[in-house]
Amino acid sequence: MPAHSAKDICLLHFARFLRHSTYALLAPSLFAALACVPAEAQMAQPQELNFLAVAQPAASALPDAPSAVLQPLLAEAPSSSSSLDFEADPQQPAPGSPQDRKPPCNGCDVDQNGNPIPLERQQPKRILGFMPNFRTVSAGAVVHPPGWKYNFQVATHQAFDWSSFLFLGLTSLSAEGLNEHPVLGKGVHGFYSYTWRGFLDKTDGTYWQAFLLPSLLHEDTRYYPMGHGHPVALRALYVISRQGVARTYGGHQTPNLAGLGGKVMTQVISRQYYPTGATSFGVLAEKFGYSAMRDVIFTSIREFYPDIAAHYIQKHRDKQAQSKAAKDVRDLTRAASKQSESPETEKPAPPKN
């Protein structure tokens, strides 16, 4: 049997210990610490070591490389999935990469970096849970590119949404009560006359302003709010100006020909189904003015609603946090009082010999 050096014997027993030890996950690092030598020394040594070779002079400051007898033992060491790995896993996404980024909140808009839009800039799909808000984008959010198909989907969604019929009933009821068009009559018959004509006005105007003309003229008639951080007066003027200013598909400002032209086309077509007494130029101009004023009112709500909602949501969250903190204090006080009131447990007497 060949004679091994004391170092080889120690390393042999150490490798066997690592093979059966629960600390096998430290084997690569410890073995590397024992086996590391400068590159010059490793290049100068032969690839296979002979155990009968004469040891290096004691004056050498560098240790010998580990004996080759340890290679089979270390190769047989179990490799657990929990072992220490010093190399990056190729399947593990790098920190900060798009794969490593956590998904944003469910349903909320995100910016160009994939971060959720702040609460005071988020535009809900429905304001107060019922008012449709499908044609408004959150300030700073990445939006869907407009086009024929997308514009048609948005216009159809808005025209036939359940909330649209709710507003239609309210406006028809008020028009019948105010007797805006006496020729249409009063009572149930008058309400019916206002309702179906109002439905045609609303649906016709929606498709003209949100689908047909924007797709032909390449205008983006969605509302892009100025958002939180600007003076209120400036935001109010911005809301009014959107009646005459829109965006192109490229993001540049352009006259709102689709919006204004859609309102005009709606009034022109309405002459085909309104009686003669309700189709004069003065009546149509009045309806056009009401339509523009209604858009300004609803656009103002879309502009300032996120600020109001964020204020009350944050206030509600702060109140919940204070209630939770007060509850935790009460629980701790109650636990401390119970502990102070409970009698001390008596220590058992030592057994007698």
Protein backbone atom coordinates (compact mmCIF):
# COMPACT_ATOMS: atom_id res chain seq x y z
CA MET A 1 0.00 0.00 0.00
CA PRO A 2 1.52 3.33 -0.91
CA ALA A 3 2.52 5.63 1.92
CA HIS A 4 0.48 8.79 2.10
CA SER A 5 1.55 12.03 3.62
CA ALA A 6 -0.08 13.28 6.80
CA LYS A 7 -1.81 15.99 4.82
CA ASP A 8 -3.33 13.49 2.37
CA ILE A 9 -4.61 11.35 5.22
CA CYS A 10 -6.23 14.39 6.91
CA LEU A 11 -7.86 15.47 3.70
CA LEU A 12 -9.07 11.92 3.07
CA HIS A 13 -10.79 11.74 6.46
CA PHE A 14 -12.17 15.25 5.97
CA ALA A 15 -13.70 14.28 2.61
CA ARG A 16 -15.33 11.20 4.18
CA PHE A 17 -16.71 13.43 6.91
CA LEU A 18 -18.17 15.78 4.32
CA ARG A 19 -19.70 12.86 2.47
CA HIS A 20 -21.80 11.76 5.46
CA SER A 21 -22.24 15.10 7.15
CA THR A 22 -25.23 17.43 7.03
CA TYR A 23 -22.79 20.25 6.38
CA ALA A 24 -22.17 19.05 2.82
CA LEU A 25 -23.43 22.32 1.47
CA LEU A 26 -20.17 23.94 2.71
CA ALA A 27 -18.00 21.45 0.86
CA PRO A 28 -17.34 23.52 -2.26
CA SER A 29 -16.25 26.59 -0.36
CA LEU A 30 -14.05 24.75 2.18
CA PHE A 31 -12.47 22.60 -0.45
CA ALA A 32 -11.77 25.65 -2.59
CA ALA A 33 -10.13 27.36 0.40
CA LEU A 34 -7.81 24.37 0.89
CA ALA A 35 -7.07 23.85 -2.76
CA CYS A 36 -6.62 27.42 -3.99
CA VAL A 37 -3.15 28.21 -5.24
CA PRO A 38 -1.83 30.89 -7.54
CA ALA A 39 -2.14 30.30 -11.25
CA GLU A 40 1.64 29.96 -11.66
CA ALA A 41 1.80 27.16 -9.13
CA GLN A 42 -1.07 25.26 -10.73
CA MET A 43 0.49 25.55 -14.18
CA ALA A 44 3.84 24.36 -12.88
CA GLN A 45 2.37 21.21 -11.31
CA PRO A 46 1.53 18.11 -13.35
CA GLN A 47 -2.10 17.31 -13.95
CA GLU A 48 -1.86 13.96 -12.06
CA LEU A 49 0.05 13.66 -8.79
CA ASN A 50 1.99 10.58 -7.77
CA PHE A 51 1.69 9.62 -4.14
CA LEU A 52 5.20 8.14 -4.22
CA ALA A 53 6.70 11.43 -5.38
CA VAL A 54 8.99 13.26 -3.04
CA ALA A 55 7.35 16.08 -1.11
CA GLN A 56 8.25 19.64 -1.95
CA PRO A 57 10.90 21.38 0.13
CA ALA A 58 9.72 22.75 3.43
CA ALA A 59 10.91 26.20 2.44
CA SER A 60 8.07 26.48 -0.06
CA ALA A 61 5.37 28.76 1.32
CA LEU A 62 2.66 27.34 -0.91
CA PRO A 63 0.79 24.11 0.06
CA ASP A 64 0.61 21.14 -2.25
CA ALA A 65 -2.47 20.70 -4.39
CA PRO A 66 -4.89 18.09 -2.99
CA SER A 67 -4.19 14.56 -3.87
CA ALA A 68 -6.05 12.91 -6.70
CA VAL A 69 -7.29 10.20 -4.33
CA LEU A 70 -9.79 12.71 -3.00
CA GLN A 71 -11.41 13.31 -6.37
CA PRO A 72 -13.58 10.14 -6.44
CA LEU A 73 -14.71 10.69 -2.86
CA LEU A 74 -15.67 14.28 -3.43
CA ALA A 75 -17.38 13.35 -6.69
CA GLU A 76 -19.55 10.86 -4.78
CA ALA A 77 -20.65 13.53 -2.29
CA PRO A 78 -24.44 14.06 -2.58
CA SER A 79 -25.47 17.24 -4.38
CA SER A 80 -28.60 18.61 -2.72
CA SER A 81 -30.79 21.31 -4.19
CA SER A 82 -30.10 23.31 -1.05
CA SER A 83 -26.33 23.23 -1.53
CA LEU A 84 -24.41 26.46 -1.62
CA ASP A 85 -24.11 27.80 -5.16
CA PHE A 86 -21.68 30.60 -5.90
CA GLU A 87 -22.66 30.95 -9.56
CA ALA A 88 -25.75 32.74 -10.80
CA ASP A 89 -28.53 30.47 -11.89
CA PRO A 90 -29.12 31.06 -15.61
CA GLN A 91 -32.84 30.45 -15.11
CA GLN A 92 -33.05 32.92 -12.23
CA PRO A 93 -33.94 36.45 -13.47
CA ALA A 94 -31.46 39.14 -12.61
CA PRO A 95 -32.54 41.69 -10.00
CA GLY A 96 -34.28 44.65 -11.57
CA SER A 97 -34.94 42.84 -14.84
CA PRO A 98 -38.44 42.89 -16.37
CA GLN A 99 -38.88 39.22 -15.40
CA ASP A 100 -37.95 39.94 -11.80
CA ARG A 101 -40.30 42.91 -11.58
CA LYS A 102 -43.42 42.20 -9.58
CA PRO A 103 -46.69 42.48 -11.47
CA PRO A 104 -48.55 45.74 -10.88
CA CYS A 105 -51.80 45.98 -9.08
CA ASN A 106 -54.69 44.19 -10.67
CA GLY A 107 -56.39 46.33 -13.31
CA CYS A 108 -54.56 49.58 -12.65
CA ASP A 109 -52.66 51.57 -15.28
CA VAL A 110 -48.86 51.60 -15.41
CA ASP A 111 -46.27 54.01 -16.76
CA GLN A 112 -43.49 53.31 -19.27
CA ASN A 113 -41.35 51.66 -16.58
CA GLY A 114 -44.12 49.29 -15.52
CA ASN A 115 -44.82 51.09 -12.25
CA PRO A 116 -48.42 51.65 -11.15
CA ILE A 117 -49.79 55.14 -11.64
CA PRO A 118 -50.14 57.04 -8.31
CA LEU A 119 -53.57 57.04 -6.75
CA GLU A 120 -54.16 60.75 -7.38
CA ARG A 121 -53.62 60.20 -11.12
CA GLN A 122 -55.53 56.96 -11.65
CA GLN A 123 -58.65 57.11 -13.78
CA PRO A 124 -61.21 54.40 -12.92
CA LYS A 125 -63.29 52.74 -15.60
CA ARG A 126 -66.38 53.95 -13.74
CA ILE A 127 -66.62 57.06 -11.61
CA LEU A 128 -68.47 56.41 -8.36
CA GLY A 129 -69.10 52.90 -9.60
CA PHE A 130 -71.62 53.74 -12.34
CA MET A 131 -70.53 56.70 -14.48
CA PRO A 132 -68.72 55.39 -17.61
CA ASN A 133 -65.15 56.59 -17.99
CA PHE A 134 -63.89 54.42 -20.84
CA ARG A 135 -62.49 57.26 -22.96
CA THR A 136 -60.25 58.79 -20.29
CA VAL A 137 -56.64 57.75 -19.68
CA SER A 138 -54.64 58.08 -16.47
CA ALA A 139 -52.07 60.89 -16.45
CA GLY A 140 -48.68 59.47 -17.42
CA ALA A 141 -50.00 55.99 -18.26
CA VAL A 142 -49.15 53.86 -21.27
CA VAL A 143 -52.33 53.72 -23.36
CA HIS A 144 -53.64 51.39 -26.03
CA PRO A 145 -52.89 52.74 -29.53
CA PRO A 146 -56.05 53.98 -31.28
CA GLY A 147 -57.28 52.48 -34.52
CA TRP A 148 -60.40 51.36 -36.36
CA LYS A 149 -60.96 48.21 -34.30
CA TYR A 150 -60.09 49.75 -30.95
CA ASN A 151 -62.18 52.87 -31.57
CA PHE A 152 -65.17 50.75 -32.57
CA GLN A 153 -64.88 48.64 -29.42
CA VAL A 154 -64.69 51.70 -27.16
CA ALA A 155 -67.61 53.42 -28.91
CA THR A 156 -69.78 50.29 -28.70
CA HIS A 157 -68.92 49.76 -25.06
CA GLN A 158 -69.87 53.31 -24.19
CA ALA A 159 -73.01 53.45 -26.37
CA PHE A 160 -74.59 50.27 -25.00
CA ASP A 161 -73.34 50.32 -21.43
CA TRP A 162 -76.06 49.88 -18.81
CA SER A 163 -75.27 53.26 -17.28
CA SER A 164 -76.01 54.95 -20.61
CA PHE A 165 -79.62 53.77 -20.40
CA LEU A 166 -79.82 55.11 -16.85
CA PHE A 167 -78.74 58.57 -17.98
CA LEU A 168 -81.05 58.29 -20.99
CA GLY A 169 -84.03 57.70 -18.72
CA LEU A 170 -83.12 60.64 -16.49
CA THR A 171 -82.59 63.07 -19.37
CA SER A 172 -85.79 61.96 -21.12
CA LEU A 173 -87.76 62.35 -17.91
CA SER A 174 -86.39 65.85 -17.32
CA ALA A 175 -86.99 66.87 -20.95
CA GLU A 176 -90.58 65.69 -20.76
CA GLY A 177 -91.10 67.46 -17.45
CA LEU A 178 -89.64 70.74 -18.76
CA ASN A 179 -91.56 70.35 -22.02
CA GLU A 180 -88.47 71.17 -24.09
CA HIS A 181 -90.20 70.16 -27.35
CA PRO A 182 -93.94 70.74 -26.98
CA VAL A 183 -94.58 69.00 -30.29
CA LEU A 184 -93.47 65.69 -28.73
CA GLY A 185 -96.27 65.82 -26.17
CA LYS A 186 -96.55 65.08 -22.46
CA GLY A 187 -97.18 62.09 -20.25
CA VAL A 188 -96.27 58.51 -21.11
CA HIS A 189 -96.48 59.15 -24.85
CA GLY A 190 -94.21 62.19 -24.52
CA PHE A 191 -91.70 60.27 -22.37
CA TYR A 192 -91.57 57.50 -25.00
CA SER A 193 -91.06 60.06 -27.77
CA TYR A 194 -88.16 61.69 -25.91
CA THR A 195 -86.60 58.34 -24.97
CA TRP A 196 -86.20 56.67 -28.36
CA ARG A 197 -85.10 59.90 -30.02
CA GLY A 198 -82.65 60.53 -27.20
CA PHE A 199 -81.26 57.02 -27.67
CA LEU A 200 -80.65 57.70 -31.36
CA ASP A 201 -79.00 61.05 -30.54
CA LYS A 202 -76.71 59.48 -27.96
CA THR A 203 -75.73 56.43 -30.01
CA ASP A 204 -75.29 58.39 -33.22
CA GLY A 205 -73.12 61.00 -31.51
CA THR A 206 -70.97 58.37 -29.82
CA TYR A 207 -70.13 56.56 -33.04
CA TRP A 208 -69.45 59.80 -34.91
CA GLN A 209 -67.19 61.27 -32.21
CA ALA A 210 -65.47 58.14 -30.92
CA PHE A 211 -65.25 55.86 -33.94
CA LEU A 212 -65.91 57.07 -37.49
CA LEU A 213 -64.44 60.58 -37.63
CA PRO A 214 -61.45 59.87 -35.30
CA SER A 215 -60.53 56.82 -37.39
CA LEU A 216 -60.80 58.74 -40.65
CA LEU A 217 -58.91 61.80 -39.41
CA HIS A 218 -56.44 59.87 -37.18
CA GLU A 219 -57.47 61.87 -34.14
CA ASP A 220 -57.27 60.55 -30.61
CA THR A 221 -60.39 61.99 -28.97
CA ARG A 222 -59.78 60.32 -25.60
CA TYR A 223 -59.36 62.70 -22.69
CA TYR A 224 -55.79 63.07 -21.40
CA PRO A 225 -56.09 64.83 -18.02
CA MET A 226 -53.53 67.36 -16.89
CA GLY A 227 -53.51 65.65 -13.52
CA HIS A 228 -52.42 66.37 -9.98
CA GLY A 229 -49.70 68.95 -9.39
CA HIS A 230 -51.03 71.82 -11.54
CA PRO A 231 -53.07 74.87 -10.43
CA VAL A 232 -56.82 74.35 -10.33
CA ALA A 233 -57.51 77.36 -12.58
CA LEU A 234 -55.08 76.08 -15.21
CA ARG A 235 -56.69 72.64 -15.13
CA ALA A 236 -60.16 74.19 -15.51
CA LEU A 237 -59.04 76.14 -18.58
CA TYR A 238 -57.46 72.97 -19.93
CA VAL A 239 -60.80 71.15 -19.58
CA ILE A 240 -62.63 73.84 -21.56
CA SER A 241 -59.95 73.92 -24.25
CA ARG A 242 -60.35 70.18 -24.92
CA GLN A 243 -63.63 70.93 -26.66
CA GLY A 244 -61.64 72.47 -29.50
CA VAL A 245 -58.27 70.66 -29.18
CA ALA A 246 -57.54 66.95 -29.58
CA ARG A 247 -54.49 64.76 -30.25
CA THR A 248 -53.26 63.04 -33.36
CA TYR A 249 -52.23 59.40 -33.36
CA GLY A 250 -48.66 60.64 -33.01
CA GLY A 251 -49.42 62.61 -29.85
CA HIS A 252 -49.43 66.12 -31.34
CA GLN A 253 -52.20 68.62 -30.68
CA THR A 254 -54.70 69.25 -33.45
CA PRO A 255 -58.12 70.91 -33.83
CA ASN A 256 -60.85 68.67 -32.49
CA LEU A 257 -62.54 68.20 -35.84
CA ALA A 258 -63.83 64.76 -34.87
CA GLY A 259 -65.47 65.94 -31.66
CA LEU A 260 -67.02 69.12 -33.03
CA GLY A 261 -67.86 67.55 -36.37
CA GLY A 262 -69.53 64.61 -34.63
CA LYS A 263 -71.81 66.96 -32.70
CA VAL A 264 -72.75 68.79 -35.92
CA MET A 265 -73.45 65.55 -37.79
CA THR A 266 -75.63 64.31 -34.92
CA GLN A 267 -77.84 67.41 -35.11
CA VAL A 268 -78.04 67.25 -38.90
CA ILE A 269 -79.13 63.60 -38.88
CA SER A 270 -81.62 64.25 -36.06
CA ARG A 271 -83.70 66.31 -38.47
CA GLN A 272 -84.79 63.04 -40.07
CA TYR A 273 -86.60 61.71 -36.98
CA TYR A 274 -87.65 64.86 -35.08
CA PRO A 275 -90.92 66.59 -36.00
CA THR A 276 -90.85 69.84 -37.96
CA GLY A 277 -91.27 72.02 -34.87
CA ALA A 278 -88.07 70.60 -33.33
CA THR A 279 -85.72 70.88 -36.31
CA SER A 280 -85.28 74.63 -36.70
CA PHE A 281 -81.79 76.13 -36.72
CA GLY A 282 -82.32 77.71 -33.30
CA VAL A 283 -83.39 74.42 -31.74
CA LEU A 284 -80.46 72.52 -33.26
CA ALA A 285 -78.00 75.21 -32.13
CA GLU A 286 -79.43 75.02 -28.64
CA LYS A 287 -79.02 71.23 -28.60
CA PHE A 288 -75.44 71.62 -29.85
CA GLY A 289 -74.69 74.07 -27.02
CA TYR A 290 -76.19 71.73 -24.44
CA SER A 291 -74.08 68.89 -25.79
CA ALA A 292 -70.87 70.92 -25.52
CA MET A 293 -71.77 72.14 -22.01
CA ARG A 294 -72.53 68.58 -20.92
CA ASP A 295 -69.13 67.45 -22.20
CA VAL A 296 -67.40 70.23 -20.24
CA ILE A 297 -69.18 69.20 -17.03
CA PHE A 298 -68.35 65.52 -17.38
CA THR A 299 -64.77 66.30 -18.44
CA SER A 300 -64.35 68.44 -15.31
CA ILE A 301 -65.47 65.48 -13.21
CA ARG A 302 -62.93 63.26 -14.99
CA GLU A 303 -60.16 65.81 -14.39
CA PHE A 304 -60.68 66.35 -10.66
CA TYR A 305 -62.22 63.05 -9.55
CA PRO A 306 -58.86 61.26 -8.95
CA ASP A 307 -57.74 64.04 -6.56
CA ILE A 308 -60.96 63.82 -4.54
CA ALA A 309 -60.97 60.03 -4.53
CA ALA A 310 -57.29 59.85 -3.49
CA HIS A 311 -57.93 62.29 -0.63
CA TYR A 312 -60.77 60.27 0.86
CA ILE A 313 -59.11 56.91 0.21
CA GLN A 314 -55.93 58.07 1.97
CA LYS A 315 -58.02 59.48 4.80
CA HIS A 316 -59.81 56.15 5.16
CA ARG A 317 -56.51 54.26 5.16
CA ASP A 318 -55.07 56.54 7.83
CA LYS A 319 -58.16 56.01 9.95
CA GLN A 320 -57.85 52.24 9.58
CA ALA A 321 -54.17 52.39 10.55
CA GLN A 322 -54.96 54.46 13.65
CA SER A 323 -57.75 52.05 14.63
CA LYS A 324 -55.42 49.09 14.24
CA ALA A 325 -52.69 50.78 16.27
CA ALA A 326 -55.19 51.63 19.04
CA LYS A 327 -56.45 48.03 19.04
CA ASP A 328 -52.89 46.70 19.34
CA VAL A 329 -52.26 49.01 22.30
CA ARG A 330 -55.46 47.82 24.01
CA ASP A 331 -54.53 44.19 23.44
CA LEU A 332 -51.06 44.72 24.90
CA THR A 333 -52.49 46.57 27.91
CA ARG A 334 -55.06 43.85 28.50
CA ALA A 335 -52.41 41.13 28.28
CA ALA A 336 -50.12 42.99 30.69
CA SER A 337 -52.95 43.49 33.20
CA LYS A 338 -53.90 39.81 33.07
CA GLN A 339 -50.31 38.80 33.59
CA SER A 340 -49.95 41.11 36.61
CA GLU A 341 -53.20 39.87 38.17
CA SER A 342 -52.49 36.15 37.76
CA PRO A 343 -50.90 34.54 40.93
CA GLU A 344 -47.38 33.36 40.71
CA THR A 345 -47.09 29.66 40.16
CA GLU A 346 -45.72 27.85 43.16
CA LYS A 347 -42.49 26.03 42.66
CA PRO A 348 -42.74 22.27 43.34
CA ALA A 349 -41.06 21.10 46.50
CA PRO A 350 -37.85 19.15 46.02
CA PRO A 351 -38.29 15.39 46.38
CA LYS A 352 -37.41 13.93 49.72
CA ASN A 353 -34.60 11.46 49.91
